[in-house]
Amino acid sequence: MPFPRYVRRGQCNRCGECCLNEDCEHLQFDENDKATCLIFGKPERPDRCKRHPQLPPIIIEGCGYFFYDRWEKRKVGYMEV
């Protein structure tokens, strides 16, 4: 099996935008406007949340994640495929 073209890199910067798009009831913001998932690391956390973002493009501007295109050897960012 060939290696995947896109590899996810980066990390969550706790902007919360991905959860706001889902209107998640487990999203909470602290006094510094950093998002926290109240069920992060718990078994009831949905798989879609654990894998987000799974494939390019990143659809949320400012997301801490990006993808690396192994074929073109370049970073793939916001709204770019």
PDB file of N, CA and C in Angstrom:
ATOM      1  N   MET A   1       0.860  -1.185   0.000  1.00  0.00           N
ATOM      2  CA  MET A   1       0.000   0.000   0.000  1.00  0.00           C
ATOM      3  C   MET A   1       0.899   1.239   0.000  1.00  0.00           C
ATOM      4  N   PRO A   2       0.641   2.185  -0.899  1.00  0.00           N
ATOM      5  CA  PRO A   2       1.463   3.399  -0.950  1.00  0.00           C
ATOM      6  C   PRO A   2       1.217   4.282   0.268  1.00  0.00           C
ATOM      7  N   PHE A   3       2.218   5.064   0.605  1.00  0.00           N
ATOM      8  CA  PHE A   3       2.053   5.958   1.743  1.00  0.00           C
ATOM      9  C   PHE A   3       1.060   7.049   1.387  1.00  0.00           C
ATOM     10  N   PRO A   4       0.390   7.612   2.393  1.00  0.00           N
ATOM     11  CA  PRO A   4      -0.617   8.642   2.107  1.00  0.00           C
ATOM     12  C   PRO A   4       0.014   9.910   1.540  1.00  0.00           C
ATOM     13  N   ARG A   5      -0.714  10.545   0.640  1.00  0.00           N
ATOM     14  CA  ARG A   5      -0.219  11.778   0.039  1.00  0.00           C
ATOM     15  C   ARG A   5      -0.131  12.895   1.064  1.00  0.00           C
ATOM     16  N   TYR A   6      -1.183  13.057   1.860  1.00  0.00           N
ATOM     17  CA  TYR A   6      -1.247  14.160   2.823  1.00  0.00           C
ATOM     18  C   TYR A   6      -1.028  13.648   4.243  1.00  0.00           C
ATOM     19  N   VAL A   7      -0.200  14.348   4.985  1.00  0.00           N
ATOM     20  CA  VAL A   7       0.071  14.017   6.378  1.00  0.00           C
ATOM     21  C   VAL A   7      -0.278  15.233   7.219  1.00  0.00           C
ATOM     22  N   ARG A   8      -1.072  15.014   8.247  1.00  0.00           N
ATOM     23  CA  ARG A   8      -1.467  16.117   9.130  1.00  0.00           C
ATOM     24  C   ARG A   8      -0.301  16.480  10.043  1.00  0.00           C
ATOM     25  N   ARG A   9      -0.087  17.769  10.183  1.00  0.00           N
ATOM     26  CA  ARG A   9       0.962  18.302  11.053  1.00  0.00           C
ATOM     27  C   ARG A   9       0.367  19.442  11.877  1.00  0.00           C
ATOM     28  N   GLY A  10       1.154  19.978  12.785  1.00  0.00           N
ATOM     29  CA  GLY A  10       0.702  21.083  13.616  1.00  0.00           C
ATOM     30  C   GLY A  10       0.002  20.589  14.855  1.00  0.00           C
ATOM     31  N   GLN A  11      -0.688  21.479  15.497  1.00  0.00           N
ATOM     32  CA  GLN A  11      -1.412  21.128  16.718  1.00  0.00           C
ATOM     33  C   GLN A  11      -2.594  22.067  16.914  1.00  0.00           C
ATOM     34  N   CYS A  12      -3.484  21.655  17.759  1.00  0.00           N
ATOM     35  CA  CYS A  12      -4.649  22.476  18.068  1.00  0.00           C
ATOM     36  C   CYS A  12      -4.185  23.742  18.778  1.00  0.00           C
ATOM     37  N   ASN A  13      -4.674  24.887  18.310  1.00  0.00           N
ATOM     38  CA  ASN A  13      -4.336  26.145  18.986  1.00  0.00           C
ATOM     39  C   ASN A  13      -5.504  26.644  19.845  1.00  0.00           C
ATOM     40  N   ARG A  14      -6.481  25.756  20.035  1.00  0.00           N
ATOM     41  CA  ARG A  14      -7.624  26.003  20.921  1.00  0.00           C
ATOM     42  C   ARG A  14      -8.460  27.208  20.508  1.00  0.00           C
ATOM     43  N   CYS A  15      -8.621  27.371  19.187  1.00  0.00           N
ATOM     44  CA  CYS A  15      -9.475  28.471  18.717  1.00  0.00           C
ATOM     45  C   CYS A  15     -10.954  28.130  18.891  1.00  0.00           C
ATOM     46  N   GLY A  16     -11.306  26.847  18.836  1.00  0.00           N
ATOM     47  CA  GLY A  16     -12.687  26.415  19.030  1.00  0.00           C
ATOM     48  C   GLY A  16     -13.553  26.500  17.796  1.00  0.00           C
ATOM     49  N   GLU A  17     -13.024  26.993  16.681  1.00  0.00           N
ATOM     50  CA  GLU A  17     -13.839  27.178  15.482  1.00  0.00           C
ATOM     51  C   GLU A  17     -14.414  25.866  14.947  1.00  0.00           C
ATOM     52  N   CYS A  18     -13.668  24.776  15.041  1.00  0.00           N
ATOM     53  CA  CYS A  18     -14.170  23.499  14.539  1.00  0.00           C
ATOM     54  C   CYS A  18     -15.379  23.043  15.353  1.00  0.00           C
ATOM     55  N   CYS A  19     -15.368  23.305  16.635  1.00  0.00           N
ATOM     56  CA  CYS A  19     -16.489  22.930  17.498  1.00  0.00           C
ATOM     57  C   CYS A  19     -17.668  23.872  17.319  1.00  0.00           C
ATOM     58  N   LEU A  20     -17.380  25.152  17.072  1.00  0.00           N
ATOM     59  CA  LEU A  20     -18.462  26.110  16.831  1.00  0.00           C
ATOM     60  C   LEU A  20     -19.219  25.751  15.568  1.00  0.00           C
ATOM     61  N   ASN A  21     -18.496  25.254  14.562  1.00  0.00           N
ATOM     62  CA  ASN A  21     -19.147  24.829  13.321  1.00  0.00           C
ATOM     63  C   ASN A  21     -20.101  23.670  13.570  1.00  0.00           C
ATOM     64  N   GLU A  22     -19.822  22.876  14.579  1.00  0.00           N
ATOM     65  CA  GLU A  22     -20.660  21.725  14.925  1.00  0.00           C
ATOM     66  C   GLU A  22     -21.696  22.083  15.987  1.00  0.00           C
ATOM     67  N   ASP A  23     -21.630  23.298  16.523  1.00  0.00           N
ATOM     68  CA  ASP A  23     -22.507  23.737  17.605  1.00  0.00           C
ATOM     69  C   ASP A  23     -22.434  22.752  18.776  1.00  0.00           C
ATOM     70  N   CYS A  24     -21.225  22.477  19.211  1.00  0.00           N
ATOM     71  CA  CYS A  24     -20.970  21.451  20.221  1.00  0.00           C
ATOM     72  C   CYS A  24     -21.317  21.931  21.625  1.00  0.00           C
ATOM     73  N   GLU A  25     -22.039  21.122  22.340  1.00  0.00           N
ATOM     74  CA  GLU A  25     -22.433  21.443  23.712  1.00  0.00           C
ATOM     75  C   GLU A  25     -21.302  21.245  24.718  1.00  0.00           C
ATOM     76  N   HIS A  26     -20.200  20.618  24.292  1.00  0.00           N
ATOM     77  CA  HIS A  26     -19.081  20.336  25.192  1.00  0.00           C
ATOM     78  C   HIS A  26     -17.975  21.382  25.096  1.00  0.00           C
ATOM     79  N   LEU A  27     -18.204  22.410  24.315  1.00  0.00           N
ATOM     80  CA  LEU A  27     -17.214  23.464  24.121  1.00  0.00           C
ATOM     81  C   LEU A  27     -17.349  24.528  25.200  1.00  0.00           C
ATOM     82  N   GLN A  28     -16.222  24.907  25.767  1.00  0.00           N
ATOM     83  CA  GLN A  28     -16.202  25.951  26.798  1.00  0.00           C
ATOM     84  C   GLN A  28     -15.000  26.849  26.533  1.00  0.00           C
ATOM     85  N   PHE A  29     -15.141  28.140  26.786  1.00  0.00           N
ATOM     86  CA  PHE A  29     -14.039  29.091  26.613  1.00  0.00           C
ATOM     87  C   PHE A  29     -13.589  29.597  27.976  1.00  0.00           C
ATOM     88  N   ASP A  30     -12.263  29.771  28.119  1.00  0.00           N
ATOM     89  CA  ASP A  30     -11.745  30.312  29.372  1.00  0.00           C
ATOM     90  C   ASP A  30     -11.650  31.829  29.283  1.00  0.00           C
ATOM     91  N   GLU A  31     -11.096  32.456  30.310  1.00  0.00           N
ATOM     92  CA  GLU A  31     -11.026  33.920  30.368  1.00  0.00           C
ATOM     93  C   GLU A  31     -10.117  34.512  29.291  1.00  0.00           C
ATOM     94  N   ASN A  32      -9.275  33.691  28.675  1.00  0.00           N
ATOM     95  CA  ASN A  32      -8.392  34.151  27.589  1.00  0.00           C
ATOM     96  C   ASN A  32      -8.929  33.795  26.217  1.00  0.00           C
ATOM     97  N   ASP A  33     -10.207  33.417  26.155  1.00  0.00           N
ATOM     98  CA  ASP A  33     -10.872  33.005  24.912  1.00  0.00           C
ATOM     99  C   ASP A  33     -10.244  31.778  24.269  1.00  0.00           C
ATOM    100  N   LYS A  34      -9.647  30.921  25.067  1.00  0.00           N
ATOM    101  CA  LYS A  34      -9.130  29.650  24.575  1.00  0.00           C
ATOM    102  C   LYS A  34     -10.201  28.595  24.787  1.00  0.00           C
ATOM    103  N   ALA A  35     -10.418  27.780  23.753  1.00  0.00           N
ATOM    104  CA  ALA A  35     -11.462  26.763  23.805  1.00  0.00           C
ATOM    105  C   ALA A  35     -10.980  25.521  24.546  1.00  0.00           C
ATOM    106  N   THR A  36     -11.903  24.887  25.229  1.00  0.00           N
ATOM    107  CA  THR A  36     -11.643  23.628  25.915  1.00  0.00           C
ATOM    108  C   THR A  36     -12.801  22.688  25.635  1.00  0.00           C
ATOM    109  N   CYS A  37     -12.447  21.451  25.319  1.00  0.00           N
ATOM    110  CA  CYS A  37     -13.455  20.404  25.158  1.00  0.00           C
ATOM    111  C   CYS A  37     -13.629  19.727  26.506  1.00  0.00           C
ATOM    112  N   LEU A  38     -14.848  19.723  27.002  1.00  0.00           N
ATOM    113  CA  LEU A  38     -15.112  19.148  28.317  1.00  0.00           C
ATOM    114  C   LEU A  38     -15.028  17.620  28.324  1.00  0.00           C
ATOM    115  N   ILE A  39     -15.028  16.996  27.150  1.00  0.00           N
ATOM    116  CA  ILE A  39     -14.930  15.534  27.083  1.00  0.00           C
ATOM    117  C   ILE A  39     -13.654  15.095  26.364  1.00  0.00           C
ATOM    118  N   PHE A  40     -12.683  16.005  26.229  1.00  0.00           N
ATOM    119  CA  PHE A  40     -11.412  15.653  25.597  1.00  0.00           C
ATOM    120  C   PHE A  40     -10.742  14.532  26.387  1.00  0.00           C
ATOM    121  N   GLY A  41     -10.282  13.497  25.675  1.00  0.00           N
ATOM    122  CA  GLY A  41      -9.604  12.373  26.314  1.00  0.00           C
ATOM    123  C   GLY A  41     -10.535  11.376  26.986  1.00  0.00           C
ATOM    124  N   LYS A  42     -11.833  11.601  26.864  1.00  0.00           N
ATOM    125  CA  LYS A  42     -12.796  10.683  27.477  1.00  0.00           C
ATOM    126  C   LYS A  42     -13.392   9.767  26.408  1.00  0.00           C
ATOM    127  N   PRO A  43     -13.833   8.579  26.799  1.00  0.00           N
ATOM    128  CA  PRO A  43     -14.360   7.619  25.826  1.00  0.00           C
ATOM    129  C   PRO A  43     -15.570   8.123  25.041  1.00  0.00           C
ATOM    130  N   GLU A  44     -16.347   9.003  25.612  1.00  0.00           N
ATOM    131  CA  GLU A  44     -17.547   9.487  24.914  1.00  0.00           C
ATOM    132  C   GLU A  44     -17.258  10.538  23.846  1.00  0.00           C
ATOM    133  N   ARG A  45     -16.007  10.968  23.739  1.00  0.00           N
ATOM    134  CA  ARG A  45     -15.650  11.936  22.696  1.00  0.00           C
ATOM    135  C   ARG A  45     -15.794  11.262  21.333  1.00  0.00           C
ATOM    136  N   PRO A  46     -16.561  11.871  20.422  1.00  0.00           N
ATOM    137  CA  PRO A  46     -16.801  11.254  19.107  1.00  0.00           C
ATOM    138  C   PRO A  46     -15.521  11.076  18.290  1.00  0.00           C
ATOM    139  N   ASP A  47     -15.478  10.013  17.508  1.00  0.00           N
ATOM    140  CA  ASP A  47     -14.316   9.738  16.663  1.00  0.00           C
ATOM    141  C   ASP A  47     -14.032  10.881  15.701  1.00  0.00           C
ATOM    142  N   ARG A  48     -15.082  11.519  15.181  1.00  0.00           N
ATOM    143  CA  ARG A  48     -14.863  12.610  14.224  1.00  0.00           C
ATOM    144  C   ARG A  48     -14.070  13.754  14.864  1.00  0.00           C
ATOM    145  N   CYS A  49     -14.245  13.937  16.166  1.00  0.00           N
ATOM    146  CA  CYS A  49     -13.509  14.979  16.870  1.00  0.00           C
ATOM    147  C   CYS A  49     -12.049  14.574  17.065  1.00  0.00           C
ATOM    148  N   LYS A  50     -11.819  13.312  17.353  1.00  0.00           N
ATOM    149  CA  LYS A  50     -10.457  12.819  17.557  1.00  0.00           C
ATOM    150  C   LYS A  50      -9.624  12.927  16.286  1.00  0.00           C
ATOM    151  N   ARG A  51     -10.270  12.763  15.145  1.00  0.00           N
ATOM    152  CA  ARG A  51      -9.555  12.762  13.870  1.00  0.00           C
ATOM    153  C   ARG A  51      -9.530  14.120  13.165  1.00  0.00           C
ATOM    154  N   HIS A  52     -10.236  15.092  13.656  1.00  0.00           N
ATOM    155  CA  HIS A  52     -10.363  16.381  12.972  1.00  0.00           C
ATOM    156  C   HIS A  52      -9.077  17.186  13.049  1.00  0.00           C
ATOM    157  N   PRO A  53      -8.659  17.817  12.002  1.00  0.00           N
ATOM    158  CA  PRO A  53      -9.063  17.612  10.613  1.00  0.00           C
ATOM    159  C   PRO A  53      -8.395  16.374  10.047  1.00  0.00           C
ATOM    160  N   GLN A  54      -9.147  15.614   9.264  1.00  0.00           N
ATOM    161  CA  GLN A  54      -8.666  14.330   8.782  1.00  0.00           C
ATOM    162  C   GLN A  54      -8.014  14.439   7.405  1.00  0.00           C
ATOM    163  N   LEU A  55      -8.594  15.220   6.534  1.00  0.00           N
ATOM    164  CA  LEU A  55      -8.082  15.387   5.178  1.00  0.00           C
ATOM    165  C   LEU A  55      -8.090  16.854   4.790  1.00  0.00           C
ATOM    166  N   PRO A  56      -7.194  17.253   3.892  1.00  0.00           N
ATOM    167  CA  PRO A  56      -7.232  18.640   3.432  1.00  0.00           C
ATOM    168  C   PRO A  56      -8.482  18.878   2.598  1.00  0.00           C
ATOM    169  N   PRO A  57      -8.903  20.099   2.448  1.00  0.00           N
ATOM    170  CA  PRO A  57      -8.247  21.318   2.904  1.00  0.00           C
ATOM    171  C   PRO A  57      -8.644  21.668   4.329  1.00  0.00           C
ATOM    172  N   ILE A  58      -7.815  22.468   4.976  1.00  0.00           N
ATOM    173  CA  ILE A  58      -8.196  23.058   6.255  1.00  0.00           C
ATOM    174  C   ILE A  58      -9.230  24.123   5.914  1.00  0.00           C
ATOM    175  N   ILE A  59     -10.403  24.019   6.492  1.00  0.00           N
ATOM    176  CA  ILE A  59     -11.469  24.957   6.120  1.00  0.00           C
ATOM    177  C   ILE A  59     -11.674  26.059   7.151  1.00  0.00           C
ATOM    178  N   ILE A  60     -10.860  26.049   8.188  1.00  0.00           N
ATOM    179  CA  ILE A  60     -10.997  27.055   9.235  1.00  0.00           C
ATOM    180  C   ILE A  60      -9.741  27.913   9.254  1.00  0.00           C
ATOM    181  N   GLU A  61      -9.896  29.178   8.911  1.00  0.00           N
ATOM    182  CA  GLU A  61      -8.752  30.084   8.896  1.00  0.00           C
ATOM    183  C   GLU A  61      -8.199  30.238  10.304  1.00  0.00           C
ATOM    184  N   GLY A  62      -6.889  30.127  10.431  1.00  0.00           N
ATOM    185  CA  GLY A  62      -6.246  30.257  11.717  1.00  0.00           C
ATOM    186  C   GLY A  62      -6.098  28.947  12.478  1.00  0.00           C
ATOM    187  N   CYS A  63      -6.561  27.844  11.906  1.00  0.00           N
ATOM    188  CA  CYS A  63      -6.425  26.538  12.545  1.00  0.00           C
ATOM    189  C   CYS A  63      -4.939  26.223  12.732  1.00  0.00           C
ATOM    190  N   GLY A  64      -4.587  25.601  13.845  1.00  0.00           N
ATOM    191  CA  GLY A  64      -3.200  25.258  14.138  1.00  0.00           C
ATOM    192  C   GLY A  64      -2.690  24.061  13.359  1.00  0.00           C
ATOM    193  N   TYR A  65      -3.590  23.357  12.698  1.00  0.00           N
ATOM    194  CA  TYR A  65      -3.190  22.209  11.889  1.00  0.00           C
ATOM    195  C   TYR A  65      -2.929  22.633  10.448  1.00  0.00           C
ATOM    196  N   PHE A  66      -2.120  21.861   9.774  1.00  0.00           N
ATOM    197  CA  PHE A  66      -1.923  21.995   8.338  1.00  0.00           C
ATOM    198  C   PHE A  66      -1.600  20.608   7.810  1.00  0.00           C
ATOM    199  N   PHE A  67      -1.570  20.481   6.512  1.00  0.00           N
ATOM    200  CA  PHE A  67      -1.204  19.215   5.899  1.00  0.00           C
ATOM    201  C   PHE A  67       0.066  19.386   5.088  1.00  0.00           C
ATOM    202  N   TYR A  68       0.843  18.317   5.041  1.00  0.00           N
ATOM    203  CA  TYR A  68       2.041  18.299   4.216  1.00  0.00           C
ATOM    204  C   TYR A  68       1.761  17.364   3.050  1.00  0.00           C
ATOM    205  N   ASP A  69       1.918  17.878   1.827  1.00  0.00           N
ATOM    206  CA  ASP A  69       1.725  17.097   0.610  1.00  0.00           C
ATOM    207  C   ASP A  69       3.043  16.392   0.299  1.00  0.00           C
ATOM    208  N   ARG A  70       3.065  15.084   0.475  1.00  0.00           N
ATOM    209  CA  ARG A  70       4.295  14.317   0.289  1.00  0.00           C
ATOM    210  C   ARG A  70       4.668  14.167  -1.183  1.00  0.00           C
ATOM    211  N   TRP A  71       3.719  14.328  -2.079  1.00  0.00           N
ATOM    212  CA  TRP A  71       4.022  14.226  -3.512  1.00  0.00           C
ATOM    213  C   TRP A  71       4.682  15.499  -4.005  1.00  0.00           C
ATOM    214  N   GLU A  72       4.116  16.644  -3.599  1.00  0.00           N
ATOM    215  CA  GLU A  72       4.642  17.935  -4.056  1.00  0.00           C
ATOM    216  C   GLU A  72       5.646  18.533  -3.074  1.00  0.00           C
ATOM    217  N   LYS A  73       5.836  17.861  -1.946  1.00  0.00           N
ATOM    218  CA  LYS A  73       6.794  18.296  -0.921  1.00  0.00           C
ATOM    219  C   LYS A  73       6.577  19.757  -0.502  1.00  0.00           C
ATOM    220  N   ARG A  74       5.343  20.022  -0.063  1.00  0.00           N
ATOM    221  CA  ARG A  74       5.000  21.368   0.375  1.00  0.00           C
ATOM    222  C   ARG A  74       3.876  21.340   1.388  1.00  0.00           C
ATOM    223  N   LYS A  75       3.783  22.403   2.147  1.00  0.00           N
ATOM    224  CA  LYS A  75       2.730  22.593   3.127  1.00  0.00           C
ATOM    225  C   LYS A  75       1.441  22.985   2.407  1.00  0.00           C
ATOM    226  N   VAL A  76       0.340  22.394   2.825  1.00  0.00           N
ATOM    227  CA  VAL A  76      -0.981  22.720   2.284  1.00  0.00           C
ATOM    228  C   VAL A  76      -1.747  23.386   3.408  1.00  0.00           C
ATOM    229  N   GLY A  77      -2.152  24.612   3.202  1.00  0.00           N
ATOM    230  CA  GLY A  77      -2.794  25.379   4.252  1.00  0.00           C
ATOM    231  C   GLY A  77      -4.265  25.605   4.029  1.00  0.00           C
ATOM    232  N   TYR A  78      -4.748  26.674   4.612  1.00  0.00           N
ATOM    233  CA  TYR A  78      -6.154  27.053   4.618  1.00  0.00           C
ATOM    234  C   TYR A  78      -6.742  27.119   3.218  1.00  0.00           C
ATOM    235  N   MET A  79      -7.823  26.372   3.016  1.00  0.00           N
ATOM    236  CA  MET A  79      -8.617  26.350   1.770  1.00  0.00           C
ATOM    237  C   MET A  79      -7.796  26.034   0.532  1.00  0.00           C
ATOM    238  N   GLU A  80      -6.740  25.286   0.677  1.00  0.00           N
ATOM    239  CA  GLU A  80      -5.877  24.949  -0.441  1.00  0.00           C
ATOM    240  C   GLU A  80      -5.813  23.440  -0.576  1.00  0.00           C
ATOM    241  N   VAL A  81      -5.916  22.938  -1.785  1.00  0.00           N
ATOM    242  CA  VAL A  81      -5.803  21.490  -1.999  1.00  0.00           C
ATOM    243  C   VAL A  81      -4.732  21.220  -3.027  1.00  0.00           C
TER     244      VAL A  81
END
